[in-house]
Amino acid sequence: MEDIIEEIFEDSFIWSSCAKIFLSALFGIVLGIERRNHLHAIGIRTMLLITTSCALLGILSHYGAENPAEALGDPTRIAAGVVTGIGFLGGGVIMHQGLNIKGITTAAIIWTAAALGLSVGYGLYVPSIVLFALILVTLPIFKRIEKAFFPASKIKTINLTYADDDADIADIKNVLESNGIIIRDVNYSNSFEDEKFKVEILANAGDVDFNALGKKLKKTGNLVKFSFQ
């Protein structure tokens, strides 16, 4: 027993493998915190599991390549299996929310977490740290850029209900466009039973002052109901 313990402490491969796992764990924790700060489904534990398990698989693949007699097969197939399998995990976080698609960035981060884990497992420390730093710096920067230059990125539904059919459609469009809303489609319906005229508008919109928009739309006719989804 003492000989086994002594051999473990003297084995540099074991210590370097532990260092790789701890470094990949750090990457996973920070990436998980970044996703949680943006209220996404994937979190710290998931990212930690992805990076550390991929690091271990990378270590195993690397070990198999250096010790072909013990690998009993092609060690590169482990990394190929990770690349294939991680796609299913990433696809699980992509979902439709109304007319919008959410989770694509999170799915891409899952791929990145897997790549970081594998690269640390192979001992590519510098490229791993460079990619990790690049992600942490660029994600918040480009999020601000997208919000500033592409504010109308989400598709929203605007429902207007008028007590009669004297609504000024051209005025409605002018009010919406003046508030930075890009109209994609307009549908009308007239209910003869309750004498209501309804307008449904699909539009690209960013952050909109709901109350201020409602006050402006009230001037376009006898508006009795307004919803912005």
Protein backbone atom coordinates (compact mmCIF):
# COMPACT_ATOMS: atom_id res chain seq x y z
CA MET A 1 0.00 0.00 0.00
CA GLU A 2 2.81 2.39 0.90
CA ASP A 3 4.49 1.64 -2.43
CA ILE A 4 1.29 2.56 -4.32
CA ILE A 5 0.91 5.86 -2.41
CA GLU A 6 4.57 6.68 -2.97
CA GLU A 7 4.22 5.93 -6.67
CA ILE A 8 1.18 8.24 -6.93
CA PHE A 9 3.01 11.14 -5.28
CA GLU A 10 6.02 10.66 -7.57
CA ASP A 11 3.95 10.37 -10.76
CA SER A 12 4.11 13.74 -12.56
CA PHE A 13 1.35 12.68 -14.97
CA ILE A 14 -1.14 12.37 -12.11
CA TRP A 15 -0.26 15.79 -10.71
CA SER A 16 -0.40 17.47 -14.13
CA SER A 17 -3.76 15.80 -14.74
CA CYS A 18 -5.13 17.17 -11.45
CA ALA A 19 -3.88 20.64 -12.37
CA LYS A 20 -5.66 20.38 -15.72
CA ILE A 21 -8.92 19.38 -14.06
CA PHE A 22 -8.74 22.24 -11.57
CA LEU A 23 -7.99 24.77 -14.33
CA SER A 24 -10.89 23.50 -16.45
CA ALA A 25 -13.12 23.67 -13.34
CA LEU A 26 -12.21 27.34 -12.92
CA PHE A 27 -13.18 28.01 -16.54
CA GLY A 28 -16.51 26.23 -16.07
CA ILE A 29 -17.36 28.09 -12.85
CA VAL A 30 -16.71 31.52 -14.38
CA LEU A 31 -18.65 30.70 -17.58
CA GLY A 32 -21.52 29.38 -15.46
CA ILE A 33 -21.62 32.56 -13.40
CA GLU A 34 -21.69 34.62 -16.63
CA ARG A 35 -24.75 32.67 -17.89
CA ARG A 36 -26.52 32.85 -14.52
CA ASN A 37 -26.02 36.62 -14.41
CA HIS A 38 -28.06 36.77 -17.61
CA LEU A 39 -30.79 34.50 -16.15
CA HIS A 40 -30.20 31.61 -18.56
CA ALA A 41 -31.20 28.03 -17.81
CA ILE A 42 -27.67 26.65 -17.82
CA GLY A 43 -25.64 27.48 -14.73
CA ILE A 44 -22.49 26.95 -12.71
CA ARG A 45 -22.90 23.23 -12.00
CA THR A 46 -23.62 22.37 -15.63
CA MET A 47 -20.62 24.30 -16.94
CA LEU A 48 -18.42 22.81 -14.23
CA LEU A 49 -19.46 19.29 -15.20
CA ILE A 50 -18.88 19.99 -18.91
CA THR A 51 -15.40 21.49 -18.58
CA THR A 52 -14.06 19.03 -16.01
CA SER A 53 -15.47 15.91 -17.66
CA CYS A 54 -14.17 17.04 -21.05
CA ALA A 55 -10.78 17.73 -19.46
CA LEU A 56 -10.71 14.20 -18.07
CA LEU A 57 -11.67 12.76 -21.46
CA GLY A 58 -8.92 14.88 -23.05
CA ILE A 59 -6.43 13.52 -20.50
CA LEU A 60 -7.60 9.99 -21.24
CA SER A 61 -7.25 10.55 -24.98
CA HIS A 62 -3.79 12.08 -24.52
CA TYR A 63 -2.74 9.22 -22.27
CA GLY A 64 -3.96 6.69 -24.83
CA ALA A 65 -1.96 8.38 -27.57
CA GLU A 66 1.24 8.26 -25.48
CA ASN A 67 0.59 4.69 -24.30
CA PRO A 68 -0.90 2.87 -27.30
CA ALA A 69 -0.34 -0.53 -25.73
CA GLU A 70 -2.73 0.33 -22.90
CA ALA A 71 -5.25 2.28 -25.00
CA LEU A 72 -6.47 -0.77 -26.97
CA GLY A 73 -7.92 1.41 -29.73
CA ASP A 74 -7.82 4.82 -31.36
CA PRO A 75 -7.59 7.43 -28.57
CA THR A 76 -8.65 10.28 -30.89
CA ARG A 77 -12.15 8.79 -31.06
CA ILE A 78 -12.79 10.05 -27.51
CA ALA A 79 -12.46 13.68 -28.58
CA ALA A 80 -14.57 12.99 -31.68
CA GLY A 81 -17.27 11.49 -29.45
CA VAL A 82 -17.25 14.58 -27.22
CA VAL A 83 -17.71 16.88 -30.22
CA THR A 84 -20.68 14.81 -31.41
CA GLY A 85 -22.30 14.35 -28.01
CA ILE A 86 -21.98 17.93 -26.83
CA GLY A 87 -24.18 19.03 -29.74
CA PHE A 88 -27.17 17.27 -28.19
CA LEU A 89 -26.61 19.04 -24.89
CA GLY A 90 -26.33 22.41 -26.64
CA GLY A 91 -29.46 21.76 -28.68
CA GLY A 92 -31.42 21.20 -25.49
CA VAL A 93 -31.06 24.82 -24.35
CA ILE A 94 -32.28 26.35 -27.64
CA MET A 95 -35.99 27.10 -27.43
CA HIS A 96 -38.74 29.17 -29.00
CA GLN A 97 -40.18 31.94 -26.86
CA GLY A 98 -43.13 33.29 -28.77
CA LEU A 99 -41.77 34.31 -32.16
CA ASN A 100 -38.22 34.57 -30.88
CA ILE A 101 -35.45 32.00 -30.48
CA LYS A 102 -33.48 31.96 -27.23
CA GLY A 103 -30.47 30.02 -26.05
CA ILE A 104 -28.24 30.09 -29.12
CA THR A 105 -25.43 31.92 -27.31
CA THR A 106 -25.72 29.55 -24.35
CA ALA A 107 -25.52 26.57 -26.72
CA ALA A 108 -22.37 28.08 -28.25
CA ILE A 109 -20.89 28.54 -24.77
CA ILE A 110 -21.54 24.85 -24.07
CA TRP A 111 -19.45 24.06 -27.17
CA THR A 112 -16.78 26.46 -25.94
CA ALA A 113 -16.77 24.89 -22.47
CA ALA A 114 -16.26 21.47 -24.06
CA ALA A 115 -13.44 22.81 -26.25
CA LEU A 116 -11.77 24.43 -23.22
CA GLY A 117 -12.02 21.21 -21.23
CA LEU A 118 -10.54 19.12 -24.03
CA SER A 119 -7.75 21.59 -24.78
CA VAL A 120 -6.79 21.75 -21.09
CA GLY A 121 -6.91 17.96 -21.02
CA TYR A 122 -4.41 17.85 -23.88
CA GLY A 123 -2.16 20.30 -22.02
CA LEU A 124 -2.71 23.29 -24.32
CA TYR A 125 -2.73 25.79 -21.46
CA VAL A 126 -1.87 29.00 -23.30
CA PRO A 127 -4.47 28.63 -26.12
CA SER A 128 -7.07 27.69 -23.48
CA ILE A 129 -6.36 30.77 -21.38
CA VAL A 130 -6.33 33.02 -24.46
CA LEU A 131 -9.73 31.72 -25.61
CA PHE A 132 -11.14 31.94 -22.09
CA ALA A 133 -9.98 35.57 -21.71
CA LEU A 134 -11.26 36.43 -25.20
CA ILE A 135 -14.73 35.12 -24.31
CA LEU A 136 -14.92 37.01 -21.03
CA VAL A 137 -13.87 40.27 -22.69
CA THR A 138 -15.85 40.10 -25.93
CA LEU A 139 -19.24 38.75 -24.74
CA PRO A 140 -20.21 41.81 -22.62
CA ILE A 141 -18.69 44.24 -25.16
CA PHE A 142 -20.62 42.86 -28.12
CA LYS A 143 -23.79 42.60 -26.06
CA ARG A 144 -23.62 46.37 -25.52
CA ILE A 145 -22.82 46.94 -29.20
CA GLU A 146 -25.79 44.84 -30.32
CA LYS A 147 -28.09 46.67 -27.89
CA ALA A 148 -26.84 50.07 -29.12
CA PHE A 149 -26.84 49.44 -32.87
CA PHE A 150 -29.46 46.69 -33.23
CA PRO A 151 -32.08 47.56 -30.58
CA ALA A 152 -35.04 46.16 -32.53
CA SER A 153 -33.80 42.61 -32.46
CA LYS A 154 -36.85 40.83 -31.03
CA ILE A 155 -40.19 40.15 -32.73
CA LYS A 156 -43.13 41.38 -30.67
CA THR A 157 -46.89 41.37 -31.09
CA ILE A 158 -48.87 44.58 -30.62
CA ASN A 159 -52.62 44.19 -30.18
CA LEU A 160 -54.94 47.18 -30.44
CA THR A 161 -58.70 47.08 -29.89
CA TYR A 162 -60.89 50.02 -30.91
CA ALA A 163 -64.53 50.61 -29.99
CA ASP A 164 -65.31 51.43 -33.62
CA ASP A 165 -63.63 51.22 -37.01
CA ASP A 166 -62.51 54.84 -37.27
CA ALA A 167 -58.91 54.05 -36.23
CA ASP A 168 -56.33 55.92 -38.27
CA ILE A 169 -54.05 53.13 -39.55
CA ALA A 170 -51.52 55.53 -41.05
CA ASP A 171 -51.33 57.39 -37.73
CA ILE A 172 -50.82 54.09 -35.87
CA LYS A 173 -47.90 53.23 -38.12
CA ASN A 174 -46.37 56.69 -37.67
CA VAL A 175 -46.61 56.42 -33.86
CA LEU A 176 -44.97 53.01 -33.82
CA GLU A 177 -42.19 53.95 -36.24
CA SER A 178 -41.45 57.15 -34.31
CA ASN A 179 -40.82 54.97 -31.25
CA GLY A 180 -38.22 52.85 -33.06
CA ILE A 181 -40.60 49.98 -33.83
CA ILE A 182 -40.17 48.31 -37.22
CA ILE A 183 -43.48 46.97 -38.56
CA ARG A 184 -43.29 43.58 -40.27
CA ASP A 185 -46.94 42.68 -40.74
CA VAL A 186 -50.40 44.09 -39.92
CA ASN A 187 -53.62 42.09 -39.53
CA TYR A 188 -57.11 43.50 -39.09
CA SER A 189 -60.28 41.94 -37.73
CA ASN A 190 -63.76 43.42 -37.28
CA SER A 191 -66.12 41.89 -34.70
CA PHE A 192 -69.73 42.71 -35.60
CA GLU A 193 -71.02 41.09 -32.41
CA ASP A 194 -69.38 43.52 -29.99
CA GLU A 195 -68.57 46.18 -32.61
CA LYS A 196 -64.86 46.07 -31.98
CA PHE A 197 -62.13 46.77 -34.52
CA LYS A 198 -58.88 44.89 -33.80
CA VAL A 199 -55.41 45.47 -35.17
CA GLU A 200 -52.60 42.93 -34.68
CA ILE A 201 -49.12 44.08 -35.59
CA LEU A 202 -45.94 41.97 -35.79
CA ALA A 203 -42.93 44.19 -35.30
CA ASN A 204 -39.26 44.30 -34.41
CA ALA A 205 -38.83 46.23 -31.20
CA GLY A 206 -36.26 46.79 -28.48
CA ASP A 207 -36.93 48.43 -25.13
CA VAL A 208 -40.11 50.51 -25.40
CA ASP A 209 -41.80 52.78 -22.85
CA PHE A 210 -45.14 50.94 -22.67
CA ASN A 211 -47.07 53.73 -20.91
CA ALA A 212 -45.81 56.50 -23.19
CA LEU A 213 -46.59 54.42 -26.28
CA GLY A 214 -50.11 53.71 -25.01
CA LYS A 215 -50.83 57.41 -24.49
CA LYS A 216 -49.75 58.20 -28.06
CA LEU A 217 -51.82 55.35 -29.51
CA LYS A 218 -54.93 56.58 -27.69
CA LYS A 219 -54.88 59.58 -30.01
CA THR A 220 -55.23 57.34 -33.09
CA GLY A 221 -58.90 56.50 -32.39
CA ASN A 222 -61.29 55.23 -29.75
CA LEU A 223 -58.74 52.81 -28.27
CA VAL A 224 -60.17 50.56 -25.52
CA LYS A 225 -57.41 47.93 -25.18
CA PHE A 226 -53.70 47.83 -25.86
CA SER A 227 -51.23 44.98 -25.31
CA PHE A 228 -47.54 44.65 -26.15
CA GLN A 229 -46.15 41.10 -26.00
